Amino acid sequence: MKCRFLNMMILITCAVTTLQVSAVANTVQEVYHQKNNDKNCLEIAHMVLFFARDPQGISLEPRHKVLSNGMHKLTFIFDNTHAVREVLNKVNPSKGDGYTIQFDAQNKNLVLVVTYDPKKIEVSYGDYTTLDMKKGYIIRFFDHTLLSKMSNKESYILQTAASGIYWGTSSHKLLI
């Protein structure tokens, strides 16, 4: 009787543990934050999050808020996602000229908060796939001053490149 009860408890514990582990659908496997020290380069920095497999159920639209000090805050919520603490500790928190990045775990979600100065920085974000088919998510930080110069130039090529960056469709490294 005791043995059957004990076996039943072990079975229930294993089943609950399996459900908890399988409930987390997305795992952030790697995070890279690369900064560009070239002051004449359009892209100041970028951060890429790579997932263990194709991410499921993630909304790419952040919550946007203008803070009282004029800074902008983008909050990305990766539903049903977790990351190994050591992976996040490599980049958490990160700071660049005109922006900060902070990760936080809330319930079963991974939250990424990007705060930036819109007078210095333009931000674009979207899906990212490497040549070896790793799935990820990228956030790019661009020099606002250089983008403004490009948009105001008479050259159609520079205007087209600048508009592509504003809409998150370009990764050009243009020097002016």
Protein backbone atom coordinates (compact mmCIF):
# COMPACT_ATOMS: atom_id res chain seq x y z
CA MET A 1 0.00 0.00 0.00
CA LYS A 2 2.75 2.45 1.01
CA CYS A 3 4.81 1.46 -2.01
CA ARG A 4 1.90 2.03 -4.40
CA PHE A 5 1.22 5.45 -2.82
CA LEU A 6 4.89 6.40 -3.11
CA ASN A 7 5.01 5.33 -6.76
CA MET A 8 1.87 7.34 -7.47
CA MET A 9 3.40 10.46 -5.85
CA ILE A 10 6.59 10.09 -7.87
CA LEU A 11 4.55 9.72 -11.06
CA ILE A 12 2.50 12.84 -10.29
CA THR A 13 5.64 14.85 -9.47
CA CYS A 14 7.28 13.80 -12.75
CA ALA A 15 4.14 14.69 -14.72
CA VAL A 16 3.89 18.15 -13.12
CA THR A 17 7.60 18.82 -13.72
CA THR A 18 7.26 17.78 -17.37
CA LEU A 19 4.28 20.10 -17.84
CA GLN A 20 6.17 23.01 -16.29
CA VAL A 21 9.22 22.47 -18.49
CA SER A 22 7.18 22.04 -21.68
CA ALA A 23 5.08 25.13 -20.86
CA VAL A 24 8.11 27.31 -21.66
CA ALA A 25 8.10 27.27 -25.43
CA ASN A 26 10.95 29.68 -26.20
CA THR A 27 14.50 29.65 -24.89
CA VAL A 28 17.01 32.44 -25.51
CA GLN A 29 20.22 30.57 -26.17
CA GLU A 30 22.64 33.43 -26.92
CA VAL A 31 22.65 37.22 -26.64
CA TYR A 32 25.16 39.49 -28.36
CA HIS A 33 25.55 43.24 -27.91
CA GLN A 34 28.01 44.71 -30.38
CA LYS A 35 29.03 48.36 -30.29
CA ASN A 36 30.66 50.26 -33.13
CA ASN A 37 33.38 52.69 -32.05
CA ASP A 38 33.54 54.42 -35.45
CA LYS A 39 31.90 57.83 -34.94
CA ASN A 40 31.22 58.15 -38.71
CA CYS A 41 29.27 54.91 -38.92
CA LEU A 42 25.51 55.01 -39.17
CA GLU A 43 24.85 51.94 -37.01
CA ILE A 44 26.08 52.67 -33.49
CA ALA A 45 25.30 49.23 -32.07
CA HIS A 46 23.01 46.23 -32.29
CA MET A 47 21.79 43.50 -29.99
CA VAL A 48 20.78 40.05 -31.21
CA LEU A 49 18.89 37.42 -29.24
CA PHE A 50 19.18 33.89 -30.63
CA PHE A 51 16.62 31.24 -29.73
CA ALA A 52 17.20 27.50 -29.28
CA ARG A 53 14.52 26.88 -31.95
CA ASP A 54 12.10 28.89 -34.06
CA PRO A 55 10.36 31.20 -31.53
CA GLN A 56 6.62 30.70 -31.10
CA GLY A 57 4.00 33.26 -30.10
CA ILE A 58 6.27 36.30 -29.77
CA SER A 59 4.83 39.71 -30.62
CA LEU A 60 7.38 41.95 -32.29
CA GLU A 61 5.64 45.17 -31.31
CA PRO A 62 7.00 46.83 -28.17
CA ARG A 63 5.15 49.12 -25.83
CA HIS A 64 6.32 52.68 -26.41
CA LYS A 65 6.39 55.36 -23.74
CA VAL A 66 7.84 58.88 -23.59
CA LEU A 67 9.37 59.53 -20.18
CA SER A 68 9.22 62.85 -18.33
CA ASN A 69 12.92 63.53 -19.03
CA GLY A 70 12.34 63.26 -22.81
CA MET A 71 13.82 59.78 -23.10
CA HIS A 72 11.86 57.10 -24.96
CA LYS A 73 11.23 53.66 -23.50
CA LEU A 74 10.51 50.54 -25.56
CA THR A 75 9.35 47.47 -23.65
CA PHE A 76 9.58 44.18 -25.53
CA ILE A 77 7.71 41.30 -23.90
CA PHE A 78 8.74 37.86 -25.10
CA ASP A 79 5.77 35.73 -24.02
CA ASN A 80 6.42 32.25 -22.76
CA THR A 81 10.19 32.74 -23.00
CA HIS A 82 13.08 32.19 -20.64
CA ALA A 83 16.84 32.54 -20.80
CA VAL A 84 19.67 31.05 -18.83
CA ARG A 85 20.78 33.65 -16.26
CA GLU A 86 24.45 33.37 -17.34
CA VAL A 87 23.49 34.28 -20.92
CA LEU A 88 21.68 37.44 -19.81
CA ASN A 89 24.36 38.41 -17.29
CA LYS A 90 26.83 38.86 -20.16
CA VAL A 91 24.83 41.85 -21.42
CA ASN A 92 22.59 42.87 -18.52
CA PRO A 93 22.48 45.80 -18.07
CA SER A 94 24.13 47.28 -21.15
CA LYS A 95 24.75 50.92 -21.85
CA GLY A 96 25.79 52.87 -24.89
CA ASP A 97 25.99 56.54 -25.82
CA GLY A 98 22.34 57.58 -25.63
CA TYR A 99 20.72 54.24 -24.75
CA THR A 100 20.44 51.53 -22.08
CA ILE A 101 19.25 47.92 -22.28
CA GLN A 102 17.84 45.95 -19.34
CA PHE A 103 16.51 42.38 -19.19
CA ASP A 104 14.08 41.10 -16.58
CA ALA A 105 12.21 37.83 -16.04
CA GLN A 106 8.54 38.19 -15.12
CA ASN A 107 6.47 35.04 -14.56
CA LYS A 108 7.02 33.00 -17.75
CA ASN A 109 8.00 36.02 -19.84
CA LEU A 110 11.29 37.64 -20.70
CA VAL A 111 11.10 41.44 -20.69
CA LEU A 112 13.59 43.64 -22.51
CA VAL A 113 13.51 47.39 -21.79
CA VAL A 114 15.34 49.76 -24.15
CA THR A 115 15.59 53.38 -23.04
CA TYR A 116 17.06 55.86 -25.51
CA ASP A 117 17.50 59.54 -26.24
CA PRO A 118 15.60 60.30 -29.49
CA LYS A 119 17.86 63.31 -30.12
CA LYS A 120 20.84 60.95 -30.42
CA ILE A 121 19.45 57.53 -31.36
CA GLU A 122 17.01 55.93 -33.81
CA VAL A 123 15.93 52.34 -33.08
CA SER A 124 14.80 49.60 -35.46
CA TYR A 125 13.95 45.99 -34.61
CA GLY A 126 12.76 42.80 -36.21
CA ASP A 127 13.29 39.12 -36.96
CA TYR A 128 16.79 37.94 -37.72
CA THR A 129 18.03 34.73 -39.37
CA THR A 130 21.69 33.84 -39.83
CA LEU A 131 23.15 32.02 -42.81
CA ASP A 132 23.11 28.79 -40.84
CA MET A 133 19.39 29.37 -40.13
CA LYS A 134 19.64 30.38 -36.46
CA LYS A 135 16.46 32.27 -35.57
CA GLY A 136 16.71 35.47 -33.64
CA TYR A 137 15.52 38.94 -32.94
CA ILE A 138 17.62 42.06 -33.59
CA ILE A 139 17.50 45.58 -32.22
CA ARG A 140 19.61 48.17 -34.05
CA PHE A 141 20.70 51.58 -32.80
CA PHE A 142 21.43 54.29 -35.39
CA ASP A 143 22.99 57.74 -35.13
CA HIS A 144 20.07 60.19 -35.35
CA THR A 145 22.28 63.05 -36.58
CA LEU A 146 23.69 61.05 -39.52
CA LEU A 147 20.22 59.80 -40.46
CA SER A 148 18.93 63.38 -40.50
CA LYS A 149 21.82 64.44 -42.73
CA MET A 150 21.09 61.58 -45.12
CA SER A 151 17.39 62.43 -45.29
CA ASN A 152 18.10 66.07 -46.08
CA LYS A 153 20.65 65.38 -48.84
CA GLU A 154 19.71 65.96 -52.47
CA SER A 155 20.92 62.51 -53.42
CA TYR A 156 18.07 60.05 -54.00
CA ILE A 157 20.34 57.16 -53.06
CA LEU A 158 21.00 58.60 -49.59
CA GLN A 159 17.33 59.43 -49.08
CA THR A 160 16.33 55.88 -50.03
CA ALA A 161 18.92 54.36 -47.70
CA ALA A 162 17.80 56.63 -44.85
CA SER A 163 14.13 55.75 -45.36
CA GLY A 164 14.98 52.04 -45.33
CA ILE A 165 16.67 52.45 -41.97
CA TYR A 166 13.75 54.37 -40.51
CA TRP A 167 11.43 51.52 -41.49
CA GLY A 168 13.80 48.83 -40.24
CA THR A 169 14.47 47.33 -43.67
CA SER A 170 18.14 48.22 -44.08
CA SER A 171 21.44 47.35 -42.42
CA HIS A 172 23.60 49.72 -44.47
CA LYS A 173 26.93 50.97 -43.19
CA LEU A 174 27.13 54.26 -45.01
CA LEU A 175 29.84 56.79 -44.38
CA ILE A 176 29.15 60.46 -45.08
